[in-house]
Amino acid sequence: MYFIQLLIIGLLAGAVYALIGVGFTLVLGIGRIPNFAQGAFVGLGLYFALFMKNQFGANPYEALIPGVVFFSLVGIGCAELFERRGRRTGEIGELLVGLAFLMVLQGLFETAYGDNPREINGSALGYVHVAGIHIPGSQILAAATTLVIAAAMWAWLQRSRWGRAMRAVTENPMAAGLYGIRVPVIQRASVTLSILLAGVAGVMISPFTVMSPGLGSSYLITAFAVVLVGGIGNTLGALVAGLGIGIVDSLTGGYLASYWTTLAPLILITAFLVLRRGTVVAA
């Protein structure tokens, strides 16, 4: 029974990891940008939900639509900055831009809300009793929503014209450009979409997540693990890897110690970097 409980908890957490990983694999595989602020944008989603609650009394689900607009605009602005500043100075410039975003966002969180952990209360949506555990309805809704979004992203990339263009840029940007695909536009779109997905994930998990300014760094580590296991540019792989890593986190934390939930993604990253041969890019 205890194993089943841990499995359910892991799947719920893994669904969120999957959505964050899908966004990160887009920006790495298509945008070819090491955006180290990706986890901080999840944190921005958390604090955006808190801001909407404090200022307008809106619950996270009511904040989702304005959140989509807000994170779309943030994504467009960040994509433009990556393009204009980062690419002019090469990969090091892109890396520095991402690190600057990370530090600025974490500084803003701390300035606005301090170091103390914050929570959003009153949005649990009741509880569901499964295998002897009480699961908040908000957590089930977040897992279901993120899985639907991740699956829809995979279908869109496989079947739509824009999706095929994105996959072509993932495989070979130079060849895609020769076939008439506007590679910079596609890469900007991938950055925008990745930030939008991260922000939406943050808003959806805000009802059951304790917020702190540095929380985004832990999500970045998990996102790296998801991308390495699932393959850079592989959205379906990110979906499966996210679920798998969520289960591994839950089982190791349940049977060993809680700090293994942080160590497990780091061990996975190290193992894949050391043991995996060839490229980790997948279409």
C-alpha atoms as a PDB file:
ATOM      1  CA  MET A   1       0.000   0.000   0.000  1.00  0.00           C
ATOM      2  CA  TYR A   2       2.844   2.378   0.854  1.00  0.00           C
ATOM      3  CA  PHE A   3       4.416   1.749  -2.552  1.00  0.00           C
ATOM      4  CA  ILE A   4       1.129   2.613  -4.292  1.00  0.00           C
ATOM      5  CA  GLN A   5       0.915   5.842  -2.303  1.00  0.00           C
ATOM      6  CA  LEU A   6       4.427   6.845  -3.306  1.00  0.00           C
ATOM      7  CA  LEU A   7       3.702   5.917  -6.916  1.00  0.00           C
ATOM      8  CA  ILE A   8       0.619   8.155  -7.021  1.00  0.00           C
ATOM      9  CA  ILE A   9       2.489  11.051  -5.404  1.00  0.00           C
ATOM     10  CA  GLY A  10       5.336  10.590  -7.891  1.00  0.00           C
ATOM     11  CA  LEU A  11       3.023  10.600 -10.902  1.00  0.00           C
ATOM     12  CA  LEU A  12       1.341  13.803  -9.738  1.00  0.00           C
ATOM     13  CA  ALA A  13       4.683  15.540  -9.261  1.00  0.00           C
ATOM     14  CA  GLY A  14       6.058  14.038 -12.464  1.00  0.00           C
ATOM     15  CA  ALA A  15       3.241  15.544 -14.517  1.00  0.00           C
ATOM     16  CA  VAL A  16       4.415  19.012 -13.468  1.00  0.00           C
ATOM     17  CA  TYR A  17       8.051  18.101 -14.151  1.00  0.00           C
ATOM     18  CA  ALA A  18       6.979  16.989 -17.610  1.00  0.00           C
ATOM     19  CA  LEU A  19       5.482  20.367 -18.505  1.00  0.00           C
ATOM     20  CA  ILE A  20       8.545  22.227 -17.229  1.00  0.00           C
ATOM     21  CA  GLY A  21      10.757  19.787 -19.141  1.00  0.00           C
ATOM     22  CA  VAL A  22       8.777  20.244 -22.357  1.00  0.00           C
ATOM     23  CA  GLY A  23       9.367  23.988 -22.191  1.00  0.00           C
ATOM     24  CA  PHE A  24      13.051  23.528 -21.431  1.00  0.00           C
ATOM     25  CA  THR A  25      13.555  21.027 -24.234  1.00  0.00           C
ATOM     26  CA  LEU A  26      11.986  23.507 -26.660  1.00  0.00           C
ATOM     27  CA  VAL A  27      14.361  26.317 -25.739  1.00  0.00           C
ATOM     28  CA  LEU A  28      17.395  23.998 -25.810  1.00  0.00           C
ATOM     29  CA  GLY A  29      16.498  21.923 -28.861  1.00  0.00           C
ATOM     30  CA  ILE A  30      14.864  24.520 -31.093  1.00  0.00           C
ATOM     31  CA  GLY A  31      15.994  27.852 -29.705  1.00  0.00           C
ATOM     32  CA  ARG A  32      19.437  26.390 -28.926  1.00  0.00           C
ATOM     33  CA  ILE A  33      19.631  28.687 -25.922  1.00  0.00           C
ATOM     34  CA  PRO A  34      20.810  27.524 -22.471  1.00  0.00           C
ATOM     35  CA  ASN A  35      18.176  29.520 -20.588  1.00  0.00           C
ATOM     36  CA  PHE A  36      19.229  28.985 -16.975  1.00  0.00           C
ATOM     37  CA  ALA A  37      16.314  31.169 -15.882  1.00  0.00           C
ATOM     38  CA  GLN A  38      13.766  28.557 -16.984  1.00  0.00           C
ATOM     39  CA  GLY A  39      13.152  27.407 -13.413  1.00  0.00           C
ATOM     40  CA  ALA A  40      12.871  31.021 -12.240  1.00  0.00           C
ATOM     41  CA  PHE A  41       9.990  31.543 -14.674  1.00  0.00           C
ATOM     42  CA  VAL A  42       8.175  28.736 -12.858  1.00  0.00           C
ATOM     43  CA  GLY A  43       8.801  30.760  -9.712  1.00  0.00           C
ATOM     44  CA  LEU A  44       7.446  33.837 -11.488  1.00  0.00           C
ATOM     45  CA  GLY A  45       4.257  31.883 -12.156  1.00  0.00           C
ATOM     46  CA  LEU A  46       3.987  31.072  -8.462  1.00  0.00           C
ATOM     47  CA  TYR A  47       4.435  34.682  -7.397  1.00  0.00           C
ATOM     48  CA  PHE A  48       2.144  35.911 -10.167  1.00  0.00           C
ATOM     49  CA  ALA A  49      -0.622  33.761  -8.710  1.00  0.00           C
ATOM     50  CA  LEU A  50       0.163  35.127  -5.249  1.00  0.00           C
ATOM     51  CA  PHE A  51       0.072  38.701  -6.561  1.00  0.00           C
ATOM     52  CA  MET A  52      -3.314  38.137  -8.218  1.00  0.00           C
ATOM     53  CA  LYS A  53      -4.636  36.648  -4.980  1.00  0.00           C
ATOM     54  CA  ASN A  54      -3.396  39.507  -2.812  1.00  0.00           C
ATOM     55  CA  GLN A  55      -4.301  42.375  -5.129  1.00  0.00           C
ATOM     56  CA  PHE A  56      -7.516  41.194  -6.793  1.00  0.00           C
ATOM     57  CA  GLY A  57      -8.698  38.252  -4.706  1.00  0.00           C
ATOM     58  CA  ALA A  58      -8.432  35.953  -7.740  1.00  0.00           C
ATOM     59  CA  ASN A  59      -7.725  32.273  -7.191  1.00  0.00           C
ATOM     60  CA  PRO A  60      -5.002  30.664  -9.345  1.00  0.00           C
ATOM     61  CA  TYR A  61      -7.516  29.325 -11.859  1.00  0.00           C
ATOM     62  CA  GLU A  62      -8.989  32.779 -12.382  1.00  0.00           C
ATOM     63  CA  ALA A  63      -5.444  34.105 -12.729  1.00  0.00           C
ATOM     64  CA  LEU A  64      -4.612  31.609 -15.468  1.00  0.00           C
ATOM     65  CA  ILE A  65      -6.030  33.592 -18.416  1.00  0.00           C
ATOM     66  CA  PRO A  66      -4.329  36.902 -17.527  1.00  0.00           C
ATOM     67  CA  GLY A  67      -1.287  34.769 -16.742  1.00  0.00           C
ATOM     68  CA  VAL A  68      -1.205  33.419 -20.294  1.00  0.00           C
ATOM     69  CA  VAL A  69      -1.270  36.986 -21.644  1.00  0.00           C
ATOM     70  CA  PHE A  70       1.383  38.148 -19.154  1.00  0.00           C
ATOM     71  CA  PHE A  71       3.790  35.275 -19.805  1.00  0.00           C
ATOM     72  CA  SER A  72       3.327  35.541 -23.561  1.00  0.00           C
ATOM     73  CA  LEU A  73       4.463  39.173 -23.375  1.00  0.00           C
ATOM     74  CA  VAL A  74       7.336  38.278 -21.031  1.00  0.00           C
ATOM     75  CA  GLY A  75       8.357  35.479 -23.389  1.00  0.00           C
ATOM     76  CA  ILE A  76       8.333  37.764 -26.428  1.00  0.00           C
ATOM     77  CA  GLY A  77      10.477  40.321 -24.608  1.00  0.00           C
ATOM     78  CA  CYS A  78      12.961  37.689 -23.399  1.00  0.00           C
ATOM     79  CA  ALA A  79      13.184  36.093 -26.843  1.00  0.00           C
ATOM     80  CA  GLU A  80      13.987  39.460 -28.374  1.00  0.00           C
ATOM     81  CA  LEU A  81      16.655  40.100 -25.761  1.00  0.00           C
ATOM     82  CA  PHE A  82      18.228  36.699 -26.354  1.00  0.00           C
ATOM     83  CA  GLU A  83      18.239  37.389 -30.091  1.00  0.00           C
ATOM     84  CA  ARG A  84      19.578  40.943 -29.985  1.00  0.00           C
ATOM     85  CA  ARG A  85      22.050  40.618 -27.113  1.00  0.00           C
ATOM     86  CA  GLY A  86      22.834  36.952 -26.670  1.00  0.00           C
ATOM     87  CA  ARG A  87      23.418  35.861 -30.252  1.00  0.00           C
ATOM     88  CA  ARG A  88      25.660  38.813 -31.041  1.00  0.00           C
ATOM     89  CA  THR A  89      28.195  37.554 -28.518  1.00  0.00           C
ATOM     90  CA  GLY A  90      27.680  33.826 -29.145  1.00  0.00           C
ATOM     91  CA  GLU A  91      26.864  31.024 -26.741  1.00  0.00           C
ATOM     92  CA  ILE A  92      28.590  32.713 -23.806  1.00  0.00           C
ATOM     93  CA  GLY A  93      26.404  35.776 -24.321  1.00  0.00           C
ATOM     94  CA  GLU A  94      23.241  33.667 -24.331  1.00  0.00           C
ATOM     95  CA  LEU A  95      24.392  31.919 -21.183  1.00  0.00           C
ATOM     96  CA  LEU A  96      25.023  35.240 -19.457  1.00  0.00           C
ATOM     97  CA  VAL A  97      21.625  36.590 -20.483  1.00  0.00           C
ATOM     98  CA  GLY A  98      19.952  33.529 -18.970  1.00  0.00           C
ATOM     99  CA  LEU A  99      21.934  33.867 -15.747  1.00  0.00           C
ATOM    100  CA  ALA A 100      21.043  37.566 -15.604  1.00  0.00           C
ATOM    101  CA  PHE A 101      17.335  36.697 -15.877  1.00  0.00           C
ATOM    102  CA  LEU A 102      17.759  34.168 -13.058  1.00  0.00           C
ATOM    103  CA  MET A 103      19.428  36.633 -10.694  1.00  0.00           C
ATOM    104  CA  VAL A 104      17.062  39.494 -11.519  1.00  0.00           C
ATOM    105  CA  LEU A 105      13.941  37.383 -10.994  1.00  0.00           C
ATOM    106  CA  GLN A 106      15.140  35.903  -7.722  1.00  0.00           C
ATOM    107  CA  GLY A 107      16.113  39.383  -6.553  1.00  0.00           C
ATOM    108  CA  LEU A 108      12.669  40.718  -7.445  1.00  0.00           C
ATOM    109  CA  PHE A 109      10.961  37.879  -5.564  1.00  0.00           C
ATOM    110  CA  GLU A 110      13.030  38.550  -2.466  1.00  0.00           C
ATOM    111  CA  THR A 111      12.526  42.329  -2.661  1.00  0.00           C
ATOM    112  CA  ALA A 112       8.767  42.074  -3.116  1.00  0.00           C
ATOM    113  CA  TYR A 113       7.994  39.213  -0.709  1.00  0.00           C
ATOM    114  CA  GLY A 114      11.065  38.723   1.469  1.00  0.00           C
ATOM    115  CA  ASP A 115      12.782  35.464   2.412  1.00  0.00           C
ATOM    116  CA  ASN A 116       9.844  34.010   4.315  1.00  0.00           C
ATOM    117  CA  PRO A 117       8.007  31.119   2.621  1.00  0.00           C
ATOM    118  CA  ARG A 118       4.594  32.033   1.224  1.00  0.00           C
ATOM    119  CA  GLU A 119       1.491  29.972   0.487  1.00  0.00           C
ATOM    120  CA  ILE A 120      -1.843  30.493  -1.237  1.00  0.00           C
ATOM    121  CA  ASN A 121      -4.636  29.203   0.964  1.00  0.00           C
ATOM    122  CA  GLY A 122      -8.227  28.361   0.114  1.00  0.00           C
ATOM    123  CA  SER A 123      -7.713  26.809  -3.348  1.00  0.00           C
ATOM    124  CA  ALA A 124      -7.478  23.099  -2.504  1.00  0.00           C
ATOM    125  CA  LEU A 125     -10.712  22.167  -4.391  1.00  0.00           C
ATOM    126  CA  GLY A 126     -11.433  19.499  -1.799  1.00  0.00           C
ATOM    127  CA  TYR A 127      -9.696  16.163  -1.429  1.00  0.00           C
ATOM    128  CA  VAL A 128      -9.800  12.821  -3.201  1.00  0.00           C
ATOM    129  CA  HIS A 129      -9.155   9.627  -1.223  1.00  0.00           C
ATOM    130  CA  VAL A 130      -6.970   7.176  -3.147  1.00  0.00           C
ATOM    131  CA  ALA A 131      -5.038   4.214  -1.732  1.00  0.00           C
ATOM    132  CA  GLY A 132      -5.387   5.542   1.788  1.00  0.00           C
ATOM    133  CA  ILE A 133      -4.044   9.039   1.104  1.00  0.00           C
ATOM    134  CA  HIS A 134      -5.832  12.362   0.812  1.00  0.00           C
ATOM    135  CA  ILE A 135      -4.880  14.103  -2.435  1.00  0.00           C
ATOM    136  CA  PRO A 136      -5.837  17.783  -2.868  1.00  0.00           C
ATOM    137  CA  GLY A 137      -8.123  18.296  -5.820  1.00  0.00           C
ATOM    138  CA  SER A 138      -5.916  21.206  -6.906  1.00  0.00           C
ATOM    139  CA  GLN A 139      -2.956  18.832  -7.259  1.00  0.00           C
ATOM    140  CA  ILE A 140      -4.970  16.395  -9.372  1.00  0.00           C
ATOM    141  CA  LEU A 141      -6.224  19.254 -11.563  1.00  0.00           C
ATOM    142  CA  ALA A 142      -2.683  20.594 -11.990  1.00  0.00           C
ATOM    143  CA  ALA A 143      -1.358  17.154 -12.974  1.00  0.00           C
ATOM    144  CA  ALA A 144      -4.202  16.545 -15.421  1.00  0.00           C
ATOM    145  CA  THR A 145      -3.864  20.000 -16.969  1.00  0.00           C
ATOM    146  CA  THR A 146      -0.119  19.780 -17.405  1.00  0.00           C
ATOM    147  CA  LEU A 147      -0.368  16.317 -18.963  1.00  0.00           C
ATOM    148  CA  VAL A 148      -2.995  17.557 -21.425  1.00  0.00           C
ATOM    149  CA  ILE A 149      -0.868  20.581 -22.336  1.00  0.00           C
ATOM    150  CA  ALA A 150       2.278  18.464 -22.755  1.00  0.00           C
ATOM    151  CA  ALA A 151       0.443  15.920 -24.924  1.00  0.00           C
ATOM    152  CA  ALA A 152      -1.135  18.710 -26.982  1.00  0.00           C
ATOM    153  CA  MET A 153       2.307  20.242 -27.512  1.00  0.00           C
ATOM    154  CA  TRP A 154       3.621  16.943 -28.826  1.00  0.00           C
ATOM    155  CA  ALA A 155       0.665  16.573 -31.218  1.00  0.00           C
ATOM    156  CA  TRP A 156       1.039  20.172 -32.402  1.00  0.00           C
ATOM    157  CA  LEU A 157       4.741  19.711 -33.099  1.00  0.00           C
ATOM    158  CA  GLN A 158       4.034  16.533 -35.049  1.00  0.00           C
ATOM    159  CA  ARG A 159       1.112  17.698 -37.180  1.00  0.00           C
ATOM    160  CA  SER A 160       1.047  21.471 -37.572  1.00  0.00           C
ATOM    161  CA  ARG A 161       3.025  23.482 -40.100  1.00  0.00           C
ATOM    162  CA  TRP A 162       4.739  25.456 -37.362  1.00  0.00           C
ATOM    163  CA  GLY A 163       5.476  22.265 -35.483  1.00  0.00           C
ATOM    164  CA  ARG A 164       7.141  20.694 -38.510  1.00  0.00           C
ATOM    165  CA  ALA A 165       9.187  23.857 -38.985  1.00  0.00           C
ATOM    166  CA  MET A 166      10.285  23.698 -35.368  1.00  0.00           C
ATOM    167  CA  ARG A 167      11.324  20.059 -35.711  1.00  0.00           C
ATOM    168  CA  ALA A 168      13.280  20.924 -38.853  1.00  0.00           C
ATOM    169  CA  VAL A 169      15.157  23.658 -36.992  1.00  0.00           C
ATOM    170  CA  THR A 170      15.872  21.182 -34.196  1.00  0.00           C
ATOM    171  CA  GLU A 171      17.449  18.721 -36.615  1.00  0.00           C
ATOM    172  CA  ASN A 172      19.424  21.163 -38.772  1.00  0.00           C
ATOM    173  CA  PRO A 173      18.935  24.942 -38.595  1.00  0.00           C
ATOM    174  CA  MET A 174      21.092  25.619 -41.654  1.00  0.00           C
ATOM    175  CA  ALA A 175      19.233  23.138 -43.862  1.00  0.00           C
ATOM    176  CA  ALA A 176      15.893  24.434 -42.558  1.00  0.00           C
ATOM    177  CA  GLY A 177      16.896  27.959 -43.567  1.00  0.00           C
ATOM    178  CA  LEU A 178      17.781  26.776 -47.061  1.00  0.00           C
ATOM    179  CA  TYR A 179      14.264  25.363 -47.411  1.00  0.00           C
ATOM    180  CA  GLY A 180      12.756  28.767 -46.652  1.00  0.00           C
ATOM    181  CA  ILE A 181      12.078  28.384 -42.934  1.00  0.00           C
ATOM    182  CA  ARG A 182      12.666  31.630 -41.055  1.00  0.00           C
ATOM    183  CA  VAL A 183      14.945  30.143 -38.427  1.00  0.00           C
ATOM    184  CA  PRO A 184      15.262  33.236 -36.158  1.00  0.00           C
ATOM    185  CA  VAL A 185      11.464  33.554 -36.022  1.00  0.00           C
ATOM    186  CA  ILE A 186      11.095  29.891 -35.093  1.00  0.00           C
ATOM    187  CA  GLN A 187      13.770  30.198 -32.428  1.00  0.00           C
ATOM    188  CA  ARG A 188      12.106  33.273 -30.930  1.00  0.00           C
ATOM    189  CA  ALA A 189       8.795  31.397 -30.890  1.00  0.00           C
ATOM    190  CA  SER A 190      10.393  28.473 -29.042  1.00  0.00           C
ATOM    191  CA  VAL A 191      11.770  30.805 -26.344  1.00  0.00           C
ATOM    192  CA  THR A 192       8.380  32.499 -25.960  1.00  0.00           C
ATOM    193  CA  LEU A 193       6.563  29.180 -25.778  1.00  0.00           C
ATOM    194  CA  SER A 194       9.001  27.730 -23.233  1.00  0.00           C
ATOM    195  CA  ILE A 195       8.546  30.706 -20.905  1.00  0.00           C
ATOM    196  CA  LEU A 196       4.772  30.543 -21.319  1.00  0.00           C
ATOM    197  CA  LEU A 197       4.758  26.851 -20.368  1.00  0.00           C
ATOM    198  CA  ALA A 198       6.971  27.520 -17.332  1.00  0.00           C
ATOM    199  CA  GLY A 199       4.713  30.346 -16.158  1.00  0.00           C
ATOM    200  CA  VAL A 200       1.544  28.302 -16.615  1.00  0.00           C
ATOM    201  CA  ALA A 201       3.114  25.438 -14.670  1.00  0.00           C
ATOM    202  CA  GLY A 202       3.925  27.839 -11.829  1.00  0.00           C
ATOM    203  CA  VAL A 203       0.373  29.187 -11.692  1.00  0.00           C
ATOM    204  CA  MET A 204      -1.138  25.691 -11.710  1.00  0.00           C
ATOM    205  CA  ILE A 205       1.011  24.364  -8.850  1.00  0.00           C
ATOM    206  CA  SER A 206       0.705  27.519  -6.712  1.00  0.00           C
ATOM    207  CA  PRO A 207      -2.267  26.248  -4.606  1.00  0.00           C
ATOM    208  CA  PHE A 208      -0.158  23.460  -3.065  1.00  0.00           C
ATOM    209  CA  THR A 209       3.408  24.811  -3.290  1.00  0.00           C
ATOM    210  CA  VAL A 210       5.365  26.685  -0.630  1.00  0.00           C
ATOM    211  CA  MET A 211       7.049  29.609  -2.381  1.00  0.00           C
ATOM    212  CA  SER A 212      10.532  30.951  -1.758  1.00  0.00           C
ATOM    213  CA  PRO A 213      12.783  33.179  -3.903  1.00  0.00           C
ATOM    214  CA  GLY A 214      15.287  30.404  -4.682  1.00  0.00           C
ATOM    215  CA  LEU A 215      12.745  27.729  -5.551  1.00  0.00           C
ATOM    216  CA  GLY A 216      13.322  28.136  -9.292  1.00  0.00           C
ATOM    217  CA  SER A 217      16.819  26.666  -9.042  1.00  0.00           C
ATOM    218  CA  SER A 218      15.472  23.288  -7.921  1.00  0.00           C
ATOM    219  CA  TYR A 219      13.051  23.252 -10.853  1.00  0.00           C
ATOM    220  CA  LEU A 220      15.923  24.069 -13.204  1.00  0.00           C
ATOM    221  CA  ILE A 221      17.876  21.041 -11.956  1.00  0.00           C
ATOM    222  CA  THR A 222      14.846  18.806 -12.463  1.00  0.00           C
ATOM    223  CA  ALA A 223      14.267  20.280 -15.930  1.00  0.00           C
ATOM    224  CA  PHE A 224      17.854  19.453 -16.889  1.00  0.00           C
ATOM    225  CA  ALA A 225      17.355  15.873 -15.741  1.00  0.00           C
ATOM    226  CA  VAL A 226      14.104  15.597 -17.725  1.00  0.00           C
ATOM    227  CA  VAL A 227      15.738  16.910 -20.906  1.00  0.00           C
ATOM    228  CA  LEU A 228      18.802  14.685 -20.618  1.00  0.00           C
ATOM    229  CA  VAL A 229      16.739  11.558 -19.998  1.00  0.00           C
ATOM    230  CA  GLY A 230      14.081  12.376 -22.592  1.00  0.00           C
ATOM    231  CA  GLY A 231      16.408  13.838 -25.231  1.00  0.00           C
ATOM    232  CA  ILE A 232      16.918  17.479 -26.193  1.00  0.00           C
ATOM    233  CA  GLY A 233      14.118  18.592 -28.519  1.00  0.00           C
ATOM    234  CA  ASN A 234      12.016  15.486 -27.819  1.00  0.00           C
ATOM    235  CA  THR A 235       8.722  16.610 -26.276  1.00  0.00           C
ATOM    236  CA  LEU A 236       7.326  13.088 -25.942  1.00  0.00           C
ATOM    237  CA  GLY A 237      10.560  12.012 -24.279  1.00  0.00           C
ATOM    238  CA  ALA A 238      10.276  14.939 -21.866  1.00  0.00           C
ATOM    239  CA  LEU A 239       6.728  13.883 -20.991  1.00  0.00           C
ATOM    240  CA  VAL A 240       7.763  10.299 -20.222  1.00  0.00           C
ATOM    241  CA  ALA A 241      10.975  11.363 -18.462  1.00  0.00           C
ATOM    242  CA  GLY A 242       9.115  13.854 -16.277  1.00  0.00           C
ATOM    243  CA  LEU A 243       6.748  11.164 -15.057  1.00  0.00           C
ATOM    244  CA  GLY A 244       9.632   8.770 -14.475  1.00  0.00           C
ATOM    245  CA  ILE A 245      11.695  11.294 -12.516  1.00  0.00           C
ATOM    246  CA  GLY A 246       8.667  12.189 -10.407  1.00  0.00           C
ATOM    247  CA  ILE A 247       8.285   8.521  -9.469  1.00  0.00           C
ATOM    248  CA  VAL A 248      12.020   8.155  -8.724  1.00  0.00           C
ATOM    249  CA  ASP A 249      11.928  11.262  -6.506  1.00  0.00           C
ATOM    250  CA  SER A 250       8.926   9.961  -4.601  1.00  0.00           C
ATOM    251  CA  LEU A 251      10.281   6.439  -4.098  1.00  0.00           C
ATOM    252  CA  THR A 252      13.765   7.543  -3.025  1.00  0.00           C
ATOM    253  CA  GLY A 253      12.325  10.152  -0.667  1.00  0.00           C
ATOM    254  CA  GLY A 254       9.858   7.659   0.769  1.00  0.00           C
ATOM    255  CA  TYR A 255      12.178   4.700   1.256  1.00  0.00           C
ATOM    256  CA  LEU A 256      15.493   6.467   1.898  1.00  0.00           C
ATOM    257  CA  ALA A 257      15.434  10.098   3.079  1.00  0.00           C
ATOM    258  CA  SER A 258      13.838  13.353   1.994  1.00  0.00           C
ATOM    259  CA  TYR A 259      17.108  14.846   0.738  1.00  0.00           C
ATOM    260  CA  TRP A 260      17.166  12.184  -1.988  1.00  0.00           C
ATOM    261  CA  THR A 261      14.411  14.094  -3.771  1.00  0.00           C
ATOM    262  CA  THR A 262      17.071  16.739  -4.498  1.00  0.00           C
ATOM    263  CA  LEU A 263      19.937  14.336  -5.062  1.00  0.00           C
ATOM    264  CA  ALA A 264      18.104  11.989  -7.448  1.00  0.00           C
ATOM    265  CA  PRO A 265      17.922  14.472 -10.391  1.00  0.00           C
ATOM    266  CA  LEU A 266      21.577  15.413  -9.857  1.00  0.00           C
ATOM    267  CA  ILE A 267      22.594  11.758  -9.931  1.00  0.00           C
ATOM    268  CA  LEU A 268      20.590  11.234 -13.125  1.00  0.00           C
ATOM    269  CA  ILE A 269      22.259  14.233 -14.772  1.00  0.00           C
ATOM    270  CA  THR A 270      25.720  12.999 -13.800  1.00  0.00           C
ATOM    271  CA  ALA A 271      25.013   9.440 -14.936  1.00  0.00           C
ATOM    272  CA  PHE A 272      23.766  10.509 -18.366  1.00  0.00           C
ATOM    273  CA  LEU A 273      26.642  12.909 -18.940  1.00  0.00           C
ATOM    274  CA  VAL A 274      29.176  10.232 -18.015  1.00  0.00           C
ATOM    275  CA  LEU A 275      27.603   7.111 -19.518  1.00  0.00           C
ATOM    276  CA  ARG A 276      25.587   8.220 -22.550  1.00  0.00           C
ATOM    277  CA  ARG A 277      27.354   8.074 -25.876  1.00  0.00           C
ATOM    278  CA  GLY A 278      26.726  10.362 -28.819  1.00  0.00           C
ATOM    279  CA  THR A 279      24.220  13.184 -28.993  1.00  0.00           C
ATOM    280  CA  VAL A 280      21.225  13.655 -26.748  1.00  0.00           C
ATOM    281  CA  VAL A 281      19.275  15.544 -29.383  1.00  0.00           C
ATOM    282  CA  ALA A 282      16.090  13.852 -30.588  1.00  0.00           C
ATOM    283  CA  ALA A 283      13.485  14.963 -33.058  1.00  0.00           C
END
